[in-house]
Amino acid sequence: MANSPRQRKKKNKVVRAWIEQHVNDPYVQQAQRLGYRSRAAFKLLELAERDRLFRPGMTVVDLGSAPGSWCQVLRERLGPRSKIVAVDSLPMERVAGVDFVQADFREEHGLAAVLAALKNAPVDLVVSDLAPNLSGIDSVDQARSIHLGELALEFAVRQLVPGGDFAVKLFQGTGLAEFQGGVQAHFANVYVRKPKASRDRSREVFVVAKGFERVA
């Protein structure tokens, strides 16, 4: 059934408000000035500075990399000796010095493609900005977010070297505490962060885990 004039007017008002806020967002403006593809770059920069995630020459896997702002940050901060492998089911414009795999890492062929791109290089850091397709139903979206986090954690546990680090985006809500406990079983230190670049109204947080401990 078609929306009523009142519903369309309300929707248009919300869209206009979002556009105005987006255009006036200082992080959006700064990203444009610095050439980053999205404001998300500043989230990773803050996490990396606060928790000392970056070292020159690291090998990093970026899960859910499109449109590529995290790849830009990684390449910029880790230098030419680093190895960066990015994966997303969506296309991503090339970032110099980054090996991009367009695939779903959750599927066997996608995972194989990522491992092939790594060429058996030991992984020092896994970052994930994966987000679910939003349904508008909080309980469903929360469950999907936690599931993506669990898949990212599973990948990190499989690929990280001892002492490696992990950073993953999740939504605040049901299952977050349990997920954090699952991460703590594999890492020496685990933190929940809310970067300044995350909008106040957003439920997103980042779980940062330091010092991977491989269980025998």
N, C-alpha and C. Protein backbone atom coordinates (compact mmCIF):
# COMPACT_ATOMS: atom_id res chain seq x y z
N MET A 1 0.85 -1.18 0.00
CA MET A 1 0.00 0.00 0.00
C MET A 1 0.89 1.24 0.00
N ALA A 2 0.56 2.23 -0.79
CA ALA A 2 1.37 3.43 -0.91
C ALA A 2 1.32 4.23 0.39
N ASN A 3 2.40 4.92 0.69
CA ASN A 3 2.44 5.77 1.87
C ASN A 3 1.50 6.95 1.70
N SER A 4 0.92 7.40 2.81
CA SER A 4 0.03 8.55 2.78
C SER A 4 0.87 9.82 2.63
N PRO A 5 0.26 10.92 2.21
CA PRO A 5 1.00 12.19 2.12
C PRO A 5 1.69 12.55 3.43
N ARG A 6 1.04 12.29 4.56
CA ARG A 6 1.63 12.60 5.86
C ARG A 6 2.88 11.76 6.10
N GLN A 7 2.81 10.46 5.76
CA GLN A 7 3.97 9.58 5.95
C GLN A 7 5.13 10.01 5.05
N ARG A 8 4.81 10.36 3.80
CA ARG A 8 5.86 10.80 2.87
C ARG A 8 6.52 12.08 3.37
N LYS A 9 5.69 13.00 3.89
CA LYS A 9 6.22 14.27 4.40
C LYS A 9 7.15 14.02 5.58
N LYS A 10 6.75 13.12 6.48
CA LYS A 10 7.57 12.79 7.65
C LYS A 10 8.89 12.16 7.22
N LYS A 11 8.82 11.25 6.25
CA LYS A 11 10.03 10.58 5.77
C LYS A 11 10.97 11.58 5.11
N ASN A 12 10.42 12.47 4.29
CA ASN A 12 11.24 13.49 3.63
C ASN A 12 11.90 14.41 4.64
N LYS A 13 11.21 14.71 5.73
CA LYS A 13 11.76 15.57 6.77
C LYS A 13 12.95 14.89 7.45
N VAL A 14 12.80 13.60 7.72
CA VAL A 14 13.89 12.84 8.34
C VAL A 14 15.10 12.79 7.42
N VAL A 15 14.87 12.53 6.14
CA VAL A 15 15.96 12.46 5.16
C VAL A 15 16.69 13.80 5.07
N ARG A 16 15.93 14.89 5.00
CA ARG A 16 16.54 16.22 4.92
C ARG A 16 17.38 16.51 6.16
N ALA A 17 16.87 16.11 7.33
CA ALA A 17 17.61 16.35 8.58
C ALA A 17 18.92 15.56 8.59
N TRP A 18 18.86 14.31 8.08
CA TRP A 18 20.08 13.48 8.04
C TRP A 18 21.11 14.09 7.09
N ILE A 19 20.66 14.55 5.92
CA ILE A 19 21.57 15.14 4.95
C ILE A 19 22.23 16.39 5.52
N GLU A 20 21.43 17.21 6.18
CA GLU A 20 21.98 18.44 6.76
C GLU A 20 23.02 18.12 7.82
N GLN A 21 22.70 17.15 8.67
CA GLN A 21 23.65 16.77 9.72
C GLN A 21 24.92 16.19 9.12
N HIS A 22 24.76 15.36 8.08
CA HIS A 22 25.91 14.73 7.44
C HIS A 22 26.83 15.77 6.81
N VAL A 23 26.24 16.71 6.09
CA VAL A 23 27.02 17.74 5.41
C VAL A 23 27.78 18.60 6.42
N ASN A 24 27.16 18.86 7.57
CA ASN A 24 27.76 19.73 8.58
C ASN A 24 28.63 18.97 9.58
N ASP A 25 28.71 17.66 9.45
CA ASP A 25 29.48 16.84 10.37
C ASP A 25 30.97 17.18 10.23
N PRO A 26 31.64 17.57 11.32
CA PRO A 26 33.06 17.95 11.22
C PRO A 26 33.95 16.79 10.76
N TYR A 27 33.57 15.56 11.11
CA TYR A 27 34.38 14.41 10.68
C TYR A 27 34.22 14.16 9.19
N VAL A 28 33.01 14.39 8.67
CA VAL A 28 32.79 14.28 7.22
C VAL A 28 33.62 15.34 6.50
N GLN A 29 33.59 16.55 7.01
CA GLN A 29 34.35 17.63 6.39
C GLN A 29 35.86 17.37 6.45
N GLN A 30 36.33 16.86 7.59
CA GLN A 30 37.75 16.58 7.73
C GLN A 30 38.17 15.42 6.82
N ALA A 31 37.30 14.41 6.70
CA ALA A 31 37.59 13.29 5.80
C ALA A 31 37.73 13.78 4.37
N GLN A 32 36.88 14.68 3.96
CA GLN A 32 36.95 15.24 2.61
C GLN A 32 38.25 16.02 2.41
N ARG A 33 38.66 16.78 3.41
CA ARG A 33 39.89 17.56 3.32
C ARG A 33 41.12 16.66 3.21
N LEU A 34 41.11 15.55 3.95
CA LEU A 34 42.28 14.68 4.00
C LEU A 34 42.25 13.57 2.95
N GLY A 35 41.15 13.47 2.23
CA GLY A 35 41.05 12.48 1.17
C GLY A 35 40.63 11.10 1.62
N TYR A 36 40.10 10.98 2.83
CA TYR A 36 39.58 9.69 3.28
C TYR A 36 38.20 9.44 2.68
N ARG A 37 37.90 8.20 2.41
CA ARG A 37 36.65 7.87 1.73
C ARG A 37 35.43 7.95 2.63
N SER A 38 35.63 7.90 3.93
CA SER A 38 34.50 8.07 4.85
C SER A 38 35.03 8.53 6.20
N ARG A 39 34.13 9.02 7.02
CA ARG A 39 34.46 9.49 8.36
C ARG A 39 34.91 8.36 9.27
N ALA A 40 34.65 7.11 8.88
CA ALA A 40 35.04 5.96 9.69
C ALA A 40 36.56 5.90 9.89
N ALA A 41 37.31 6.55 9.03
CA ALA A 41 38.77 6.56 9.17
C ALA A 41 39.18 7.05 10.56
N PHE A 42 38.45 8.02 11.09
CA PHE A 42 38.83 8.61 12.37
C PHE A 42 38.54 7.69 13.54
N LYS A 43 37.60 6.77 13.35
CA LYS A 43 37.34 5.78 14.40
C LYS A 43 38.55 4.86 14.55
N LEU A 44 39.06 4.36 13.43
CA LEU A 44 40.23 3.49 13.49
C LEU A 44 41.45 4.24 13.99
N LEU A 45 41.63 5.47 13.55
CA LEU A 45 42.78 6.26 14.01
C LEU A 45 42.76 6.43 15.52
N GLU A 46 41.58 6.70 16.08
CA GLU A 46 41.49 6.88 17.53
C GLU A 46 41.75 5.57 18.27
N LEU A 47 41.16 4.48 17.79
CA LEU A 47 41.38 3.18 18.41
C LEU A 47 42.87 2.81 18.38
N ALA A 48 43.48 3.03 17.22
CA ALA A 48 44.88 2.65 17.05
C ALA A 48 45.79 3.45 17.97
N GLU A 49 45.49 4.74 18.12
CA GLU A 49 46.32 5.58 18.98
C GLU A 49 46.13 5.23 20.45
N ARG A 50 44.89 5.01 20.83
CA ARG A 50 44.60 4.74 22.25
C ARG A 50 45.16 3.39 22.69
N ASP A 51 45.04 2.39 21.83
CA ASP A 51 45.42 1.03 22.22
C ASP A 51 46.66 0.51 21.50
N ARG A 52 47.39 1.41 20.84
CA ARG A 52 48.67 1.07 20.22
C ARG A 52 48.55 -0.16 19.33
N LEU A 53 47.68 -0.04 18.34
CA LEU A 53 47.42 -1.17 17.44
C LEU A 53 48.41 -1.24 16.28
N PHE A 54 49.06 -0.13 15.95
CA PHE A 54 49.85 -0.06 14.71
C PHE A 54 51.34 -0.15 14.99
N ARG A 55 52.01 -0.93 14.13
CA ARG A 55 53.47 -0.97 14.07
C ARG A 55 53.86 -1.05 12.60
N PRO A 56 54.88 -0.33 12.18
CA PRO A 56 55.30 -0.39 10.78
C PRO A 56 55.61 -1.82 10.36
N GLY A 57 55.19 -2.15 9.13
CA GLY A 57 55.50 -3.46 8.58
C GLY A 57 54.59 -4.59 9.00
N MET A 58 53.51 -4.28 9.66
CA MET A 58 52.57 -5.32 10.11
C MET A 58 51.85 -5.98 8.93
N THR A 59 51.32 -7.17 9.20
CA THR A 59 50.38 -7.81 8.28
C THR A 59 48.99 -7.71 8.91
N VAL A 60 48.05 -7.13 8.16
CA VAL A 60 46.72 -6.82 8.68
C VAL A 60 45.65 -7.34 7.73
N VAL A 61 44.56 -7.85 8.29
CA VAL A 61 43.38 -8.21 7.50
C VAL A 61 42.24 -7.29 7.92
N ASP A 62 41.63 -6.65 6.93
CA ASP A 62 40.52 -5.71 7.13
C ASP A 62 39.24 -6.38 6.64
N LEU A 63 38.38 -6.80 7.55
CA LEU A 63 37.12 -7.46 7.21
C LEU A 63 36.02 -6.42 7.05
N GLY A 64 35.30 -6.48 5.94
CA GLY A 64 34.26 -5.49 5.68
C GLY A 64 34.85 -4.15 5.33
N SER A 65 35.75 -4.16 4.34
CA SER A 65 36.62 -3.01 4.08
C SER A 65 35.99 -1.87 3.29
N ALA A 66 34.98 -2.15 2.45
CA ALA A 66 34.41 -1.10 1.61
C ALA A 66 33.78 0.01 2.47
N PRO A 67 33.93 1.26 2.08
CA PRO A 67 34.51 1.80 0.83
C PRO A 67 36.02 1.93 0.81
N GLY A 68 36.69 1.68 1.95
CA GLY A 68 38.14 1.65 1.93
C GLY A 68 38.86 2.64 2.82
N SER A 69 38.14 3.36 3.68
CA SER A 69 38.81 4.37 4.51
C SER A 69 39.76 3.73 5.53
N TRP A 70 39.38 2.56 6.05
CA TRP A 70 40.29 1.90 6.98
C TRP A 70 41.54 1.42 6.25
N CYS A 71 41.39 0.95 5.03
CA CYS A 71 42.55 0.56 4.22
C CYS A 71 43.49 1.74 4.01
N GLN A 72 42.90 2.91 3.76
CA GLN A 72 43.72 4.11 3.56
C GLN A 72 44.54 4.42 4.82
N VAL A 73 43.89 4.33 5.97
CA VAL A 73 44.58 4.58 7.24
C VAL A 73 45.68 3.55 7.46
N LEU A 74 45.37 2.28 7.23
CA LEU A 74 46.35 1.23 7.45
C LEU A 74 47.58 1.43 6.57
N ARG A 75 47.35 1.69 5.31
CA ARG A 75 48.47 1.87 4.38
C ARG A 75 49.29 3.10 4.77
N GLU A 76 48.61 4.15 5.14
CA GLU A 76 49.27 5.42 5.50
C GLU A 76 50.12 5.26 6.76
N ARG A 77 49.62 4.53 7.75
CA ARG A 77 50.28 4.46 9.04
C ARG A 77 51.26 3.28 9.18
N LEU A 78 51.08 2.24 8.39
CA LEU A 78 51.93 1.06 8.54
C LEU A 78 53.11 1.04 7.58
N GLY A 79 53.04 1.84 6.54
CA GLY A 79 54.18 1.98 5.65
C GLY A 79 54.27 0.93 4.56
N PRO A 80 55.24 1.09 3.66
CA PRO A 80 55.32 0.25 2.47
C PRO A 80 55.72 -1.20 2.74
N ARG A 81 56.31 -1.47 3.90
CA ARG A 81 56.70 -2.86 4.20
C ARG A 81 55.55 -3.68 4.76
N SER A 82 54.44 -3.04 5.01
CA SER A 82 53.28 -3.75 5.56
C SER A 82 52.59 -4.57 4.48
N LYS A 83 51.81 -5.54 4.93
CA LYS A 83 50.96 -6.32 4.02
C LYS A 83 49.53 -6.17 4.51
N ILE A 84 48.67 -5.62 3.66
CA ILE A 84 47.28 -5.37 4.02
C ILE A 84 46.38 -6.12 3.06
N VAL A 85 45.56 -6.99 3.61
CA VAL A 85 44.58 -7.73 2.82
C VAL A 85 43.19 -7.30 3.27
N ALA A 86 42.40 -6.81 2.34
CA ALA A 86 41.05 -6.33 2.62
C ALA A 86 40.04 -7.23 1.93
N VAL A 87 38.91 -7.43 2.59
CA VAL A 87 37.88 -8.29 1.99
C VAL A 87 36.50 -7.69 2.24
N ASP A 88 35.68 -7.74 1.21
CA ASP A 88 34.29 -7.28 1.33
C ASP A 88 33.50 -7.93 0.21
N SER A 89 32.22 -8.19 0.49
CA SER A 89 31.36 -8.73 -0.56
C SER A 89 30.97 -7.66 -1.57
N LEU A 90 31.13 -6.38 -1.17
CA LEU A 90 30.86 -5.26 -2.07
C LEU A 90 32.13 -4.87 -2.81
N PRO A 91 32.00 -4.25 -3.98
CA PRO A 91 33.20 -3.77 -4.68
C PRO A 91 33.85 -2.62 -3.91
N MET A 92 35.14 -2.46 -4.10
CA MET A 92 35.88 -1.37 -3.46
C MET A 92 36.91 -0.83 -4.43
N GLU A 93 36.91 0.49 -4.58
CA GLU A 93 37.92 1.12 -5.42
C GLU A 93 39.30 0.83 -4.86
N ARG A 94 40.24 0.60 -5.76
CA ARG A 94 41.58 0.18 -5.35
C ARG A 94 42.24 1.20 -4.43
N VAL A 95 42.93 0.68 -3.40
CA VAL A 95 43.80 1.48 -2.55
C VAL A 95 45.22 0.98 -2.80
N ALA A 96 46.10 1.87 -3.19
CA ALA A 96 47.47 1.47 -3.52
C ALA A 96 48.11 0.74 -2.35
N GLY A 97 48.74 -0.40 -2.65
CA GLY A 97 49.42 -1.16 -1.61
C GLY A 97 48.54 -2.08 -0.82
N VAL A 98 47.27 -2.20 -1.20
CA VAL A 98 46.32 -3.07 -0.49
C VAL A 98 45.83 -4.15 -1.44
N ASP A 99 45.87 -5.40 -0.99
CA ASP A 99 45.32 -6.52 -1.76
C ASP A 99 43.85 -6.67 -1.40
N PHE A 100 42.97 -6.40 -2.35
CA PHE A 100 41.54 -6.47 -2.09
C PHE A 100 40.94 -7.74 -2.67
N VAL A 101 40.14 -8.41 -1.85
CA VAL A 101 39.42 -9.61 -2.26
C VAL A 101 37.93 -9.32 -2.18
N GLN A 102 37.24 -9.35 -3.31
CA GLN A 102 35.79 -9.19 -3.28
C GLN A 102 35.17 -10.56 -3.11
N ALA A 103 34.76 -10.84 -1.90
CA ALA A 103 34.21 -12.16 -1.57
C ALA A 103 33.58 -12.08 -0.18
N ASP A 104 32.85 -13.11 0.17
CA ASP A 104 32.28 -13.24 1.51
C ASP A 104 33.19 -14.19 2.29
N PHE A 105 33.94 -13.64 3.24
CA PHE A 105 34.91 -14.48 3.95
C PHE A 105 34.24 -15.57 4.78
N ARG A 106 32.92 -15.45 4.99
CA ARG A 106 32.20 -16.46 5.75
C ARG A 106 32.01 -17.74 4.94
N GLU A 107 32.14 -17.64 3.62
CA GLU A 107 31.99 -18.81 2.77
C GLU A 107 33.36 -19.42 2.47
N GLU A 108 33.36 -20.70 2.19
CA GLU A 108 34.62 -21.43 2.04
C GLU A 108 35.50 -20.83 0.95
N HIS A 109 34.90 -20.50 -0.21
CA HIS A 109 35.72 -19.98 -1.30
C HIS A 109 36.22 -18.57 -0.98
N GLY A 110 35.43 -17.79 -0.24
CA GLY A 110 35.87 -16.46 0.16
C GLY A 110 37.03 -16.53 1.13
N LEU A 111 36.94 -17.41 2.11
CA LEU A 111 38.04 -17.59 3.06
C LEU A 111 39.29 -18.05 2.34
N ALA A 112 39.14 -18.97 1.40
CA ALA A 112 40.29 -19.48 0.64
C ALA A 112 40.96 -18.35 -0.14
N ALA A 113 40.15 -17.44 -0.68
CA ALA A 113 40.70 -16.32 -1.44
C ALA A 113 41.50 -15.37 -0.53
N VAL A 114 41.01 -15.16 0.68
CA VAL A 114 41.73 -14.31 1.63
C VAL A 114 43.05 -14.95 2.02
N LEU A 115 43.02 -16.25 2.31
CA LEU A 115 44.25 -16.96 2.70
C LEU A 115 45.26 -16.96 1.55
N ALA A 116 44.76 -17.09 0.33
CA ALA A 116 45.66 -17.05 -0.83
C ALA A 116 46.32 -15.68 -0.96
N ALA A 117 45.55 -14.61 -0.68
CA ALA A 117 46.11 -13.27 -0.76
C ALA A 117 47.16 -13.04 0.32
N LEU A 118 47.00 -13.69 1.46
CA LEU A 118 47.97 -13.56 2.54
C LEU A 118 49.29 -14.27 2.22
N LYS A 119 49.22 -15.31 1.38
CA LYS A 119 50.41 -16.08 1.01
C LYS A 119 51.15 -16.58 2.24
N ASN A 120 50.37 -17.12 3.18
CA ASN A 120 50.92 -17.72 4.41
C ASN A 120 51.61 -16.72 5.33
N ALA A 121 51.43 -15.42 5.09
CA ALA A 121 52.03 -14.43 5.98
C ALA A 121 51.35 -14.48 7.34
N PRO A 122 52.12 -14.42 8.42
CA PRO A 122 51.50 -14.38 9.75
C PRO A 122 50.74 -13.07 9.94
N VAL A 123 49.57 -13.14 10.55
CA VAL A 123 48.70 -11.97 10.70
C VAL A 123 48.90 -11.36 12.09
N ASP A 124 49.22 -10.07 12.11
CA ASP A 124 49.46 -9.36 13.36
C ASP A 124 48.23 -8.68 13.91
N LEU A 125 47.31 -8.31 13.02
CA LEU A 125 46.14 -7.53 13.43
C LEU A 125 44.98 -7.86 12.51
N VAL A 126 43.81 -8.11 13.11
CA VAL A 126 42.56 -8.26 12.36
C VAL A 126 41.62 -7.15 12.81
N VAL A 127 41.10 -6.38 11.84
CA VAL A 127 40.11 -5.34 12.15
C VAL A 127 38.84 -5.63 11.38
N SER A 128 37.72 -5.33 11.99
CA SER A 128 36.43 -5.60 11.35
C SER A 128 35.47 -4.44 11.57
N ASP A 129 35.03 -3.86 10.47
CA ASP A 129 34.01 -2.81 10.50
C ASP A 129 32.71 -3.36 9.92
N LEU A 130 32.56 -4.67 9.96
CA LEU A 130 31.36 -5.32 9.42
C LEU A 130 30.11 -4.84 10.15
N ALA A 131 29.05 -4.63 9.39
CA ALA A 131 27.76 -4.26 9.97
C ALA A 131 26.66 -5.01 9.23
N PRO A 132 25.62 -5.42 9.93
CA PRO A 132 24.54 -6.15 9.28
C PRO A 132 23.68 -5.25 8.42
N ASN A 133 22.98 -5.83 7.48
CA ASN A 133 21.93 -5.11 6.77
C ASN A 133 20.80 -4.86 7.77
N LEU A 134 20.48 -3.61 8.02
CA LEU A 134 19.54 -3.28 9.08
C LEU A 134 18.11 -3.55 8.66
N SER A 135 17.39 -4.21 9.57
CA SER A 135 15.98 -4.52 9.33
C SER A 135 15.06 -3.49 9.96
N GLY A 136 15.60 -2.71 10.91
CA GLY A 136 14.77 -1.78 11.66
C GLY A 136 14.19 -2.40 12.92
N ILE A 137 14.40 -3.69 13.09
CA ILE A 137 13.96 -4.40 14.30
C ILE A 137 15.18 -4.59 15.19
N ASP A 138 15.21 -3.90 16.32
CA ASP A 138 16.41 -3.85 17.15
C ASP A 138 16.93 -5.23 17.53
N SER A 139 16.03 -6.11 17.93
CA SER A 139 16.48 -7.43 18.39
C SER A 139 17.11 -8.23 17.26
N VAL A 140 16.57 -8.10 16.06
CA VAL A 140 17.11 -8.80 14.90
C VAL A 140 18.47 -8.21 14.52
N ASP A 141 18.53 -6.89 14.46
CA ASP A 141 19.79 -6.24 14.09
C ASP A 141 20.89 -6.51 15.11
N GLN A 142 20.52 -6.55 16.39
CA GLN A 142 21.50 -6.85 17.44
C GLN A 142 22.06 -8.26 17.28
N ALA A 143 21.17 -9.22 17.04
CA ALA A 143 21.60 -10.59 16.87
C ALA A 143 22.53 -10.74 15.66
N ARG A 144 22.20 -10.03 14.59
CA ARG A 144 23.04 -10.09 13.39
C ARG A 144 24.41 -9.47 13.65
N SER A 145 24.44 -8.38 14.40
CA SER A 145 25.71 -7.72 14.72
C SER A 145 26.60 -8.65 15.54
N ILE A 146 26.04 -9.29 16.54
CA ILE A 146 26.82 -10.21 17.38
C ILE A 146 27.32 -11.39 16.54
N HIS A 147 26.48 -11.86 15.64
CA HIS A 147 26.89 -12.99 14.79
C HIS A 147 28.08 -12.62 13.91
N LEU A 148 28.04 -11.43 13.33
CA LEU A 148 29.17 -10.99 12.52
C LEU A 148 30.43 -10.85 13.38
N GLY A 149 30.26 -10.35 14.60
CA GLY A 149 31.39 -10.25 15.50
C GLY A 149 31.98 -11.61 15.82
N GLU A 150 31.12 -12.59 16.02
CA GLU A 150 31.59 -13.95 16.32
C GLU A 150 32.36 -14.54 15.14
N LEU A 151 31.90 -14.27 13.92
CA LEU A 151 32.60 -14.77 12.74
C LEU A 151 33.96 -14.09 12.60
N ALA A 152 34.01 -12.79 12.88
CA ALA A 152 35.28 -12.06 12.82
C ALA A 152 36.24 -12.60 13.88
N LEU A 153 35.72 -12.87 15.08
CA LEU A 153 36.55 -13.44 16.15
C LEU A 153 37.08 -14.81 15.75
N GLU A 154 36.21 -15.62 15.16
CA GLU A 154 36.63 -16.95 14.72
C GLU A 154 37.77 -16.86 13.71
N PHE A 155 37.67 -15.91 12.79
CA PHE A 155 38.74 -15.70 11.81
C PHE A 155 40.02 -15.26 12.51
N ALA A 156 39.90 -14.32 13.44
CA ALA A 156 41.07 -13.81 14.14
C ALA A 156 41.77 -14.91 14.92
N VAL A 157 41.00 -15.72 15.62
CA VAL A 157 41.58 -16.81 16.41
C VAL A 157 42.31 -17.80 15.52
N ARG A 158 41.80 -17.99 14.32
CA ARG A 158 42.42 -18.93 13.39
C ARG A 158 43.72 -18.38 12.79
N GLN A 159 43.77 -17.05 12.57
CA GLN A 159 44.86 -16.49 11.77
C GLN A 159 45.91 -15.69 12.53
N LEU A 160 45.58 -15.17 13.70
CA LEU A 160 46.52 -14.29 14.40
C LEU A 160 47.73 -15.05 14.95
N VAL A 161 48.85 -14.36 14.96
CA VAL A 161 50.04 -14.88 15.64
C VAL A 161 49.90 -14.61 17.13
N PRO A 162 50.58 -15.38 17.98
CA PRO A 162 50.57 -15.06 19.41
C PRO A 162 51.02 -13.62 19.64
N GLY A 163 50.26 -12.91 20.48
CA GLY A 163 50.54 -11.50 20.72
C GLY A 163 49.81 -10.56 19.78
N GLY A 164 49.10 -11.11 18.78
CA GLY A 164 48.38 -10.29 17.82
C GLY A 164 47.17 -9.60 18.44
N ASP A 165 46.62 -8.65 17.70
CA ASP A 165 45.51 -7.83 18.20
C ASP A 165 44.29 -7.92 17.29
N PHE A 166 43.16 -7.47 17.84
CA PHE A 166 41.87 -7.63 17.16
C PHE A 166 40.99 -6.45 17.55
N ALA A 167 40.30 -5.86 16.57
CA ALA A 167 39.34 -4.78 16.83
C ALA A 167 38.12 -5.01 15.98
N VAL A 168 36.94 -4.98 16.58
CA VAL A 168 35.71 -5.34 15.87
C VAL A 168 34.56 -4.43 16.30
N LYS A 169 33.75 -4.03 15.32
CA LYS A 169 32.57 -3.21 15.60
C LYS A 169 31.39 -4.09 15.97
N LEU A 170 30.63 -3.64 16.97
CA LEU A 170 29.41 -4.33 17.40
C LEU A 170 28.37 -3.27 17.78
N PHE A 171 27.15 -3.73 18.04
CA PHE A 171 26.12 -2.86 18.57
C PHE A 171 25.97 -3.12 20.06
N GLN A 172 25.76 -2.06 20.82
CA GLN A 172 25.46 -2.22 22.24
C GLN A 172 24.12 -2.91 22.41
N GLY A 173 24.03 -3.81 23.37
CA GLY A 173 22.77 -4.49 23.61
C GLY A 173 22.98 -5.93 24.00
N THR A 174 21.92 -6.71 23.86
CA THR A 174 21.94 -8.11 24.24
C THR A 174 23.05 -8.87 23.52
N GLY A 175 23.81 -9.62 24.30
CA GLY A 175 24.86 -10.47 23.72
C GLY A 175 26.24 -9.84 23.73
N LEU A 176 26.32 -8.51 23.95
CA LEU A 176 27.63 -7.86 23.92
C LEU A 176 28.52 -8.34 25.06
N ALA A 177 27.97 -8.43 26.26
CA ALA A 177 28.77 -8.87 27.40
C ALA A 177 29.25 -10.31 27.20
N GLU A 178 28.38 -11.14 26.66
CA GLU A 178 28.78 -12.54 26.41
C GLU A 178 29.87 -12.60 25.34
N PHE A 179 29.72 -11.77 24.32
CA PHE A 179 30.75 -11.73 23.27
C PHE A 179 32.08 -11.28 23.86
N GLN A 180 32.05 -10.26 24.69
CA GLN A 180 33.26 -9.76 25.32
C GLN A 180 33.93 -10.87 26.14
N GLY A 181 33.12 -11.65 26.84
CA GLY A 181 33.67 -12.78 27.60
C GLY A 181 34.33 -13.81 26.71
N GLY A 182 33.73 -14.04 25.53
CA GLY A 182 34.33 -14.98 24.58
C GLY A 182 35.66 -14.49 24.06
N VAL A 183 35.77 -13.18 23.86
CA VAL A 183 37.03 -12.59 23.40
C VAL A 183 38.09 -12.71 24.49
N GLN A 184 37.69 -12.50 25.74
CA GLN A 184 38.63 -12.55 26.86
C GLN A 184 39.25 -13.93 27.03
N ALA A 185 38.59 -14.94 26.50
CA ALA A 185 39.14 -16.29 26.60
C ALA A 185 40.37 -16.47 25.71
N HIS A 186 40.58 -15.53 24.77
CA HIS A 186 41.67 -15.68 23.80
C HIS A 186 42.72 -14.56 23.88
N PHE A 187 42.43 -13.48 24.60
CA PHE A 187 43.33 -12.33 24.60
C PHE A 187 43.66 -11.90 26.03
N ALA A 188 44.83 -11.30 26.18
CA ALA A 188 45.29 -10.87 27.50
C ALA A 188 44.47 -9.70 28.03
N ASN A 189 44.13 -8.76 27.15
CA ASN A 189 43.39 -7.57 27.57
C ASN A 189 42.30 -7.25 26.56
N VAL A 190 41.11 -6.91 27.06
CA VAL A 190 39.97 -6.62 26.20
C VAL A 190 39.29 -5.34 26.70
N TYR A 191 38.99 -4.44 25.75
CA TYR A 191 38.37 -3.16 26.09
C TYR A 191 37.17 -2.92 25.18
N VAL A 192 36.17 -2.20 25.70
CA VAL A 192 35.06 -1.73 24.88
C VAL A 192 35.23 -0.22 24.71
N ARG A 193 35.30 0.22 23.46
CA ARG A 193 35.58 1.63 23.15
C ARG A 193 34.43 2.25 22.37
N LYS A 194 34.22 3.53 22.61
CA LYS A 194 33.27 4.34 21.83
C LYS A 194 34.04 5.54 21.30
N PRO A 195 34.58 5.45 20.08
CA PRO A 195 35.38 6.57 19.55
C PRO A 195 34.56 7.85 19.45
N LYS A 196 35.25 8.97 19.54
CA LYS A 196 34.58 10.26 19.43
C LYS A 196 33.90 10.43 18.07
N ALA A 197 34.46 9.78 17.05
CA ALA A 197 33.88 9.89 15.71
C ALA A 197 32.60 9.09 15.54
N SER A 198 32.28 8.23 16.51
CA SER A 198 30.99 7.53 16.47
C SER A 198 29.90 8.52 16.91
N ARG A 199 28.86 8.61 16.12
CA ARG A 199 27.79 9.54 16.46
C ARG A 199 27.14 9.14 17.78
N ASP A 200 26.72 10.14 18.55
CA ASP A 200 26.14 9.90 19.87
C ASP A 200 24.93 8.97 19.80
N ARG A 201 24.13 9.15 18.75
CA ARG A 201 22.90 8.35 18.66
C ARG A 201 23.16 6.92 18.21
N SER A 202 24.36 6.66 17.71
CA SER A 202 24.69 5.33 17.21
C SER A 202 24.94 4.37 18.36
N ARG A 203 24.47 3.14 18.20
CA ARG A 203 24.69 2.10 19.21
C ARG A 203 26.02 1.37 19.01
N GLU A 204 26.79 1.79 18.01
CA GLU A 204 28.02 1.06 17.74
C GLU A 204 29.07 1.30 18.81
N VAL A 205 29.78 0.22 19.12
CA VAL A 205 30.96 0.27 19.97
C VAL A 205 32.00 -0.63 19.31
N PHE A 206 33.23 -0.54 19.81
CA PHE A 206 34.29 -1.39 19.28
C PHE A 206 34.92 -2.17 20.42
N VAL A 207 35.03 -3.47 20.21
CA VAL A 207 35.75 -4.32 21.15
C VAL A 207 37.18 -4.43 20.64
N VAL A 208 38.13 -4.01 21.47
CA VAL A 208 39.55 -4.04 21.12
C VAL A 208 40.22 -5.07 22.02
N ALA A 209 40.90 -6.02 21.42
CA ALA A 209 41.54 -7.10 22.16
C ALA A 209 43.04 -7.11 21.87
N LYS A 210 43.82 -7.16 22.93
CA LYS A 210 45.27 -7.09 22.82
C LYS A 210 45.91 -8.38 23.34
N GLY A 211 46.96 -8.82 22.65
CA GLY A 211 47.74 -9.95 23.14
C GLY A 211 47.07 -11.30 22.96
N PHE A 212 46.92 -11.72 21.71
CA PHE A 212 46.30 -13.01 21.43
C PHE A 212 47.10 -14.14 22.07
N GLU A 213 46.40 -15.05 22.71
CA GLU A 213 47.02 -16.18 23.38
C GLU A 213 46.49 -17.47 22.75
N ARG A 214 47.32 -18.13 21.99
CA ARG A 214 46.89 -19.35 21.32
C ARG A 214 46.78 -20.48 22.32
N VAL A 215 45.61 -21.09 22.37
CA VAL A 215 45.35 -22.19 23.30
C VAL A 215 45.84 -23.48 22.68
N ALA A 216 46.60 -24.24 23.42
CA ALA A 216 47.14 -25.51 22.91
C ALA A 216 46.04 -26.53 22.71
